[in-house]
Amino acid sequence: MGDIDVNVAAASLDHVQSHLTAPFIRQLVSDPVIDTALEMVDRYALRAYDALQLADCLVLCAADGETYTFVCSDHRLLDAARSEHLQTLDPAA
């Protein structure tokens, strides 16, 4: 096995980084997100981080008036997202 050339490694990392960040939206956790996450825990018995992920999407949709696709492979979380009328995508399907 040989070493990867530094320039090839850097270019590969840049490519992966641009691929991962381009189609995603980052949103800070705020009081409305936390409040919505608590509702999701009560409504669907979700784990805390799952509830935060769902709440982030719901709050973003409400604030922007846009429809975003909720992406995950956890079936319980996907069911909760569909119950909240979100479009969903399971990348493992």
Protein backbone atom coordinates (compact mmCIF):
# COMPACT_ATOMS: atom_id res chain seq x y z
CA MET A 1 0.00 0.00 0.00
CA GLY A 2 1.26 3.43 -0.81
CA ASP A 3 0.55 6.88 0.51
CA ILE A 4 -1.94 9.18 -1.13
CA ASP A 5 -0.45 12.26 -2.70
CA VAL A 6 -1.12 15.34 -0.56
CA ASN A 7 -2.71 17.22 -3.47
CA VAL A 8 -4.97 14.28 -4.35
CA ALA A 9 -6.02 13.92 -0.71
CA ALA A 10 -6.78 17.64 -0.40
CA ALA A 11 -8.78 17.65 -3.63
CA SER A 12 -10.71 14.58 -2.52
CA LEU A 13 -11.54 16.12 0.84
CA ASP A 14 -12.65 19.36 -0.83
CA HIS A 15 -14.90 17.39 -3.17
CA VAL A 16 -16.49 15.44 -0.32
CA GLN A 17 -16.97 18.60 1.76
CA SER A 18 -18.67 20.48 -1.10
CA HIS A 19 -20.87 17.47 -1.84
CA LEU A 20 -22.00 17.15 1.78
CA THR A 21 -22.70 20.81 2.48
CA ALA A 22 -24.32 21.99 -0.75
CA PRO A 23 -27.76 20.34 -0.50
CA PHE A 24 -28.19 20.73 3.26
CA ILE A 25 -29.53 23.57 5.39
CA ARG A 26 -28.01 24.25 8.78
CA GLN A 27 -30.25 25.73 11.42
CA LEU A 28 -29.36 26.73 14.95
CA VAL A 29 -31.27 25.25 17.84
CA SER A 30 -33.56 27.98 19.16
CA ASP A 31 -36.34 28.22 21.73
CA PRO A 32 -39.05 27.50 19.11
CA VAL A 33 -37.11 24.42 17.98
CA ILE A 34 -36.76 23.17 21.56
CA ASP A 35 -40.46 23.78 22.26
CA THR A 36 -41.44 21.94 19.09
CA ALA A 37 -39.03 19.10 19.90
CA LEU A 38 -40.68 18.66 23.30
CA GLU A 39 -44.05 18.41 21.54
CA MET A 40 -42.61 15.77 19.17
CA VAL A 41 -41.29 13.73 22.12
CA ASP A 42 -44.75 13.77 23.71
CA ARG A 43 -46.62 13.12 20.47
CA TYR A 44 -44.45 10.38 18.95
CA ALA A 45 -42.26 9.12 21.83
CA LEU A 46 -39.13 10.11 19.90
CA ARG A 47 -35.61 10.22 21.28
CA ALA A 48 -34.40 13.74 22.07
CA TYR A 49 -32.03 14.15 19.11
CA ASP A 50 -34.58 12.68 16.71
CA ALA A 51 -37.17 15.12 18.01
CA LEU A 52 -34.73 18.01 17.51
CA GLN A 53 -34.07 16.94 13.93
CA LEU A 54 -37.78 16.80 13.16
CA ALA A 55 -38.50 20.04 15.03
CA ASP A 56 -35.76 21.86 13.10
CA CYS A 57 -37.42 20.94 9.83
CA LEU A 58 -40.90 21.85 11.04
CA VAL A 59 -39.81 25.25 12.38
CA LEU A 60 -37.88 26.00 9.19
CA CYS A 61 -40.89 25.11 7.03
CA ALA A 62 -43.17 27.30 9.15
CA ALA A 63 -40.75 30.24 9.08
CA ASP A 64 -39.99 30.10 5.35
CA GLY A 65 -43.35 28.91 4.09
CA GLU A 66 -41.36 26.41 2.02
CA THR A 67 -41.68 22.66 1.79
CA TYR A 68 -38.44 20.87 2.61
CA THR A 69 -37.82 17.16 2.33
CA PHE A 70 -37.05 15.42 5.62
CA VAL A 71 -34.25 12.89 5.07
CA CYS A 72 -33.47 10.02 7.42
CA SER A 73 -33.47 6.22 7.55
CA ASP A 74 -35.16 5.77 10.93
CA HIS A 75 -38.63 4.40 10.20
CA ARG A 76 -40.22 5.71 13.40
CA LEU A 77 -38.84 9.18 12.70
CA LEU A 78 -39.99 9.02 9.07
CA ASP A 79 -43.49 8.03 10.23
CA ALA A 80 -43.55 11.00 12.61
CA ALA A 81 -42.41 13.35 9.82
CA ARG A 82 -45.14 12.05 7.50
CA SER A 83 -47.69 12.52 10.28
CA GLU A 84 -46.54 16.15 10.41
CA HIS A 85 -47.22 16.38 6.64
CA LEU A 86 -43.57 16.62 5.60
CA GLN A 87 -42.21 15.15 2.40
CA THR A 88 -39.76 12.41 3.34
CA LEU A 89 -36.84 10.58 1.80
CA ASP A 90 -35.24 7.40 3.11
CA PRO A 91 -31.79 7.16 1.48
CA ALA A 92 -31.54 3.51 2.52
CA ALA A 93 -34.71 2.56 0.64
